């Protein structure tokens, strides 16, 4: 009986470990994405604005508004092939993924 309980506990730990690691990865991506957004995007996009408006008179929607509307793949497309007048900002694939993770976290 004791041996069976040890096996069950071990199996549960093995199942939970990837989930915990994935969550930590996600939290790290969100933090990295926020840093990227603060540096590259905050001049036009309001990052923590619940009203969904732009800043500095730009037509750029707030990230919270974008998070509520756009799917993840659409967000990646918007970042890699921005619509006019949004400037193209060269980002690596991992930076794009982190930026999208941050935006999605605002939903």
N, C-alpha and C. Protein backbone atom coordinates (compact mmCIF):
# COMPACT_ATOMS: atom_id res chain seq x y z
N UNK A 1 0.81 -1.19 0.00
CA UNK A 1 0.00 0.00 0.00
C UNK A 1 0.86 1.26 0.00
N UNK A 2 1.89 1.28 0.85
CA UNK A 2 2.78 2.43 0.93
C UNK A 2 3.51 2.62 -0.40
N UNK A 3 3.94 1.54 -1.01
CA UNK A 3 4.63 1.60 -2.30
C UNK A 3 3.71 2.18 -3.37
N UNK A 4 2.45 1.78 -3.37
CA UNK A 4 1.48 2.28 -4.33
C UNK A 4 1.29 3.79 -4.17
N UNK A 5 1.21 4.26 -2.92
CA UNK A 5 1.05 5.69 -2.67
C UNK A 5 2.25 6.48 -3.18
N UNK A 6 3.46 5.93 -3.01
CA UNK A 6 4.67 6.60 -3.50
C UNK A 6 4.64 6.72 -5.02
N UNK A 7 4.18 5.67 -5.67
CA UNK A 7 4.09 5.69 -7.13
C UNK A 7 3.08 6.74 -7.59
N UNK A 8 1.96 6.82 -6.91
CA UNK A 8 0.93 7.79 -7.26
C UNK A 8 1.46 9.21 -7.07
N UNK A 9 2.13 9.47 -5.97
CA UNK A 9 2.68 10.80 -5.70
C UNK A 9 3.74 11.14 -6.75
N UNK A 10 4.61 10.20 -7.07
CA UNK A 10 5.64 10.43 -8.07
C UNK A 10 5.00 10.73 -9.44
N UNK A 11 4.00 9.97 -9.80
CA UNK A 11 3.31 10.19 -11.08
C UNK A 11 2.67 11.57 -11.11
N UNK A 12 2.07 11.98 -10.02
CA UNK A 12 1.43 13.31 -9.97
C UNK A 12 2.47 14.41 -10.11
N UNK A 13 3.63 14.23 -9.49
CA UNK A 13 4.70 15.23 -9.60
C UNK A 13 5.21 15.32 -11.04
N UNK A 14 5.35 14.20 -11.70
CA UNK A 14 5.82 14.20 -13.08
C UNK A 14 4.82 14.86 -14.01
N UNK A 15 3.56 14.68 -13.74
CA UNK A 15 2.53 15.31 -14.56
C UNK A 15 2.49 16.81 -14.32
N UNK A 16 2.65 17.25 -13.08
CA UNK A 16 2.56 18.66 -12.74
C UNK A 16 3.80 19.45 -13.14
N UNK A 17 4.96 18.84 -13.17
CA UNK A 17 6.21 19.56 -13.44
C UNK A 17 6.20 20.33 -14.75
N UNK A 18 5.79 19.74 -15.88
CA UNK A 18 5.77 20.52 -17.12
C UNK A 18 4.81 21.70 -17.06
N UNK A 19 3.70 21.56 -16.37
CA UNK A 19 2.73 22.63 -16.24
C UNK A 19 3.33 23.79 -15.46
N UNK A 20 4.02 23.48 -14.37
CA UNK A 20 4.66 24.52 -13.57
C UNK A 20 5.75 25.20 -14.38
N UNK A 21 6.55 24.44 -15.11
CA UNK A 21 7.62 25.02 -15.93
C UNK A 21 7.03 25.89 -17.04
N UNK A 22 5.95 25.44 -17.66
CA UNK A 22 5.32 26.22 -18.73
C UNK A 22 4.78 27.53 -18.17
N UNK A 23 4.21 27.50 -16.98
CA UNK A 23 3.67 28.72 -16.35
C UNK A 23 4.80 29.70 -16.07
N UNK A 24 5.94 29.20 -15.57
CA UNK A 24 7.09 30.07 -15.31
C UNK A 24 7.59 30.68 -16.62
N UNK A 25 7.62 29.89 -17.67
CA UNK A 25 8.02 30.38 -18.99
C UNK A 25 7.07 31.49 -19.43
N UNK A 26 5.80 31.29 -19.26
CA UNK A 26 4.81 32.27 -19.65
C UNK A 26 4.98 33.57 -18.86
N UNK A 27 5.18 33.46 -17.55
CA UNK A 27 5.39 34.65 -16.73
C UNK A 27 6.64 35.39 -17.18
N UNK A 28 7.69 34.67 -17.51
CA UNK A 28 8.93 35.29 -17.98
C UNK A 28 8.70 35.96 -19.33
N UNK A 29 7.95 35.31 -20.21
CA UNK A 29 7.63 35.90 -21.52
C UNK A 29 6.82 37.18 -21.36
N UNK A 30 5.86 37.17 -20.46
CA UNK A 30 5.02 38.35 -20.23
C UNK A 30 5.89 39.50 -19.73
N UNK A 31 6.77 39.23 -18.79
CA UNK A 31 7.65 40.28 -18.26
C UNK A 31 8.58 40.80 -19.35
N UNK A 32 9.13 39.90 -20.14
CA UNK A 32 10.00 40.32 -21.24
C UNK A 32 9.21 41.12 -22.27
N UNK A 33 8.00 40.67 -22.59
CA UNK A 33 7.15 41.39 -23.54
C UNK A 33 6.79 42.78 -23.05
N UNK A 34 6.55 42.91 -21.76
CA UNK A 34 6.24 44.23 -21.20
C UNK A 34 7.44 45.16 -21.36
N UNK A 35 8.63 44.65 -21.11
CA UNK A 35 9.84 45.46 -21.27
C UNK A 35 10.02 45.90 -22.73
N UNK A 36 9.76 44.99 -23.65
CA UNK A 36 9.85 45.32 -25.08
C UNK A 36 8.82 46.38 -25.43
N UNK A 37 7.60 46.21 -24.93
CA UNK A 37 6.53 47.17 -25.22
C UNK A 37 6.86 48.55 -24.65
N UNK A 38 7.39 48.59 -23.45
CA UNK A 38 7.75 49.87 -22.84
C UNK A 38 8.80 50.60 -23.68
N UNK A 39 9.72 49.84 -24.24
CA UNK A 39 10.80 50.44 -25.02
C UNK A 39 10.36 50.79 -26.44
N UNK A 40 9.62 49.91 -27.08
CA UNK A 40 9.36 50.06 -28.51
C UNK A 40 7.96 50.57 -28.86
N UNK A 41 7.00 50.43 -27.96
CA UNK A 41 5.61 50.69 -28.34
C UNK A 41 4.91 51.78 -27.52
N UNK A 42 5.42 52.06 -26.33
CA UNK A 42 4.71 52.94 -25.39
C UNK A 42 4.64 54.39 -25.86
N UNK A 43 5.41 54.75 -26.87
CA UNK A 43 5.33 56.11 -27.40
C UNK A 43 3.99 56.39 -28.06
N UNK A 44 3.33 55.35 -28.55
CA UNK A 44 2.04 55.51 -29.24
C UNK A 44 0.90 54.75 -28.58
N UNK A 45 1.18 53.56 -28.07
CA UNK A 45 0.14 52.72 -27.47
C UNK A 45 0.09 52.90 -25.96
N UNK A 46 -1.09 53.14 -25.43
CA UNK A 46 -1.28 53.12 -23.98
C UNK A 46 -1.20 51.67 -23.55
N UNK A 47 -0.37 51.39 -22.58
CA UNK A 47 -0.14 49.99 -22.20
C UNK A 47 -1.09 49.49 -21.13
N UNK A 48 -1.44 50.32 -20.17
CA UNK A 48 -2.28 49.87 -19.05
C UNK A 48 -3.57 50.64 -18.93
N UNK A 49 -4.04 51.19 -20.03
CA UNK A 49 -5.23 52.03 -20.06
C UNK A 49 -6.47 51.17 -20.29
N UNK A 50 -7.40 51.19 -19.35
CA UNK A 50 -8.62 50.39 -19.50
C UNK A 50 -9.59 51.00 -20.50
N UNK A 51 -9.49 52.31 -20.75
CA UNK A 51 -10.43 52.95 -21.66
C UNK A 51 -10.20 52.56 -23.11
N UNK A 52 -9.02 52.08 -23.45
CA UNK A 52 -8.76 51.66 -24.81
C UNK A 52 -8.37 52.78 -25.74
N UNK A 53 -8.06 53.94 -25.21
CA UNK A 53 -7.68 55.06 -26.06
C UNK A 53 -6.21 55.06 -26.41
N UNK A 54 -5.84 56.00 -27.26
CA UNK A 54 -4.45 56.14 -27.66
C UNK A 54 -3.80 57.23 -26.81
N UNK A 55 -2.52 57.45 -27.05
CA UNK A 55 -1.82 58.53 -26.37
C UNK A 55 -1.14 59.41 -27.40
N UNK A 56 -0.78 60.60 -26.99
CA UNK A 56 -0.08 61.56 -27.84
C UNK A 56 -0.81 61.83 -29.15
N UNK A 57 -2.11 61.76 -29.14
CA UNK A 57 -2.88 62.08 -30.34
C UNK A 57 -2.70 61.08 -31.48
N UNK A 58 -2.18 59.91 -31.19
CA UNK A 58 -1.98 58.90 -32.24
C UNK A 58 -3.25 58.06 -32.40
N UNK A 59 -3.43 57.45 -33.56
CA UNK A 59 -4.59 56.57 -33.74
C UNK A 59 -4.36 55.17 -33.15
N UNK A 60 -3.24 54.98 -32.46
CA UNK A 60 -2.89 53.66 -31.94
C UNK A 60 -3.79 53.26 -30.78
N UNK A 61 -4.45 52.12 -30.87
CA UNK A 61 -5.29 51.68 -29.76
C UNK A 61 -4.45 51.21 -28.57
N UNK A 62 -5.02 51.29 -27.39
CA UNK A 62 -4.35 50.80 -26.19
C UNK A 62 -4.19 49.28 -26.29
N UNK A 63 -3.15 48.78 -25.66
CA UNK A 63 -2.91 47.33 -25.69
C UNK A 63 -4.07 46.55 -25.07
N UNK A 64 -4.71 47.10 -24.05
CA UNK A 64 -5.85 46.39 -23.45
C UNK A 64 -6.99 46.23 -24.46
N UNK A 65 -7.21 47.25 -25.28
CA UNK A 65 -8.25 47.16 -26.31
C UNK A 65 -7.87 46.12 -27.35
N UNK A 66 -6.60 46.09 -27.73
CA UNK A 66 -6.13 45.10 -28.70
C UNK A 66 -6.27 43.69 -28.13
N UNK A 67 -5.89 43.53 -26.88
CA UNK A 67 -5.94 42.20 -26.23
C UNK A 67 -7.34 41.64 -26.22
N UNK A 68 -8.33 42.50 -26.08
CA UNK A 68 -9.71 42.05 -26.03
C UNK A 68 -10.29 41.67 -27.38
N UNK A 69 -9.62 42.06 -28.46
CA UNK A 69 -10.16 41.83 -29.80
C UNK A 69 -9.38 40.84 -30.65
N UNK A 70 -8.07 40.99 -30.65
CA UNK A 70 -7.25 40.25 -31.62
C UNK A 70 -6.85 38.86 -31.12
N UNK A 71 -6.87 37.91 -32.02
CA UNK A 71 -6.37 36.56 -31.74
C UNK A 71 -4.85 36.59 -31.73
N UNK A 72 -4.23 35.60 -31.14
CA UNK A 72 -2.78 35.54 -31.02
C UNK A 72 -2.10 35.60 -32.38
N UNK A 73 -2.56 34.82 -33.33
CA UNK A 73 -1.92 34.83 -34.66
C UNK A 73 -2.08 36.19 -35.32
N UNK A 74 -3.21 36.83 -35.14
CA UNK A 74 -3.42 38.16 -35.71
C UNK A 74 -2.47 39.17 -35.06
N UNK A 75 -2.26 39.03 -33.76
CA UNK A 75 -1.32 39.92 -33.08
C UNK A 75 0.08 39.76 -33.64
N UNK A 76 0.49 38.53 -33.87
CA UNK A 76 1.81 38.29 -34.44
C UNK A 76 1.92 38.94 -35.82
N UNK A 77 0.87 38.83 -36.62
CA UNK A 77 0.87 39.46 -37.95
C UNK A 77 0.95 40.98 -37.84
N UNK A 78 0.22 41.56 -36.89
CA UNK A 78 0.24 43.01 -36.73
C UNK A 78 1.62 43.52 -36.31
N UNK A 79 2.31 42.74 -35.51
CA UNK A 79 3.64 43.15 -35.05
C UNK A 79 4.67 42.99 -36.16
N UNK A 80 4.58 41.89 -36.90
CA UNK A 80 5.60 41.63 -37.92
C UNK A 80 5.34 42.36 -39.23
N UNK A 81 4.07 42.64 -39.52
CA UNK A 81 3.70 43.39 -40.73
C UNK A 81 2.72 44.47 -40.32
N UNK A 82 3.23 45.55 -39.74
CA UNK A 82 2.34 46.55 -39.17
C UNK A 82 1.57 47.36 -40.21
N UNK A 83 0.33 47.71 -39.90
CA UNK A 83 -0.46 48.55 -40.81
C UNK A 83 0.03 50.00 -40.72
N UNK A 84 -0.13 50.73 -41.79
CA UNK A 84 0.23 52.14 -41.81
C UNK A 84 -0.67 52.88 -40.83
N UNK A 85 -0.24 53.76 -40.03
CA UNK A 85 1.08 54.40 -39.94
C UNK A 85 2.01 53.78 -38.90
N UNK A 86 1.68 52.60 -38.41
CA UNK A 86 2.54 51.95 -37.40
C UNK A 86 3.89 51.62 -38.02
N UNK A 87 4.97 52.06 -37.37
CA UNK A 87 6.29 51.77 -37.92
C UNK A 87 6.68 50.31 -37.71
N UNK A 88 7.46 49.79 -38.63
CA UNK A 88 7.99 48.45 -38.47
C UNK A 88 9.14 48.49 -37.48
N UNK A 89 9.11 47.61 -36.51
CA UNK A 89 10.18 47.54 -35.51
C UNK A 89 10.77 46.14 -35.63
N UNK A 90 12.06 46.06 -35.97
CA UNK A 90 12.66 44.73 -36.14
C UNK A 90 12.75 43.98 -34.81
N UNK A 91 12.01 42.90 -34.73
CA UNK A 91 12.01 42.05 -33.54
C UNK A 91 12.27 40.62 -33.96
N UNK A 92 12.96 39.88 -33.11
CA UNK A 92 13.15 38.45 -33.37
C UNK A 92 11.84 37.72 -33.11
N UNK A 93 11.79 36.47 -33.54
CA UNK A 93 10.57 35.67 -33.32
C UNK A 93 10.28 35.54 -31.83
N UNK A 94 11.30 35.36 -31.01
CA UNK A 94 11.06 35.21 -29.57
C UNK A 94 10.60 36.54 -28.95
N UNK A 95 11.08 37.67 -29.48
CA UNK A 95 10.61 38.97 -29.00
C UNK A 95 9.15 39.20 -29.39
N UNK A 96 8.79 38.81 -30.60
CA UNK A 96 7.39 38.92 -31.04
C UNK A 96 6.50 38.06 -30.13
N UNK A 97 6.93 36.84 -29.87
CA UNK A 97 6.15 35.95 -28.99
C UNK A 97 6.00 36.54 -27.59
N UNK A 98 7.08 37.14 -27.07
CA UNK A 98 7.02 37.74 -25.74
C UNK A 98 6.09 38.95 -25.74
N UNK A 99 6.17 39.78 -26.77
CA UNK A 99 5.30 40.95 -26.86
C UNK A 99 3.84 40.53 -26.94
N UNK A 100 3.56 39.52 -27.73
CA UNK A 100 2.19 39.01 -27.85
C UNK A 100 1.73 38.42 -26.52
N UNK A 101 2.61 37.71 -25.82
CA UNK A 101 2.26 37.15 -24.50
C UNK A 101 1.88 38.27 -23.54
N UNK A 102 2.63 39.37 -23.58
CA UNK A 102 2.31 40.51 -22.71
C UNK A 102 0.94 41.10 -23.06
N UNK A 103 0.72 41.34 -24.34
CA UNK A 103 -0.56 41.93 -24.77
C UNK A 103 -1.72 41.00 -24.37
N UNK A 104 -1.56 39.71 -24.61
CA UNK A 104 -2.62 38.75 -24.26
C UNK A 104 -2.86 38.71 -22.75
N UNK A 105 -1.82 38.99 -21.96
CA UNK A 105 -1.99 38.96 -20.50
C UNK A 105 -2.88 40.10 -20.00
N UNK A 106 -3.10 41.11 -20.83
CA UNK A 106 -3.92 42.26 -20.44
C UNK A 106 -5.41 42.01 -20.64
N UNK A 107 -5.74 40.89 -21.24
CA UNK A 107 -7.13 40.56 -21.55
C UNK A 107 -7.96 40.40 -20.29
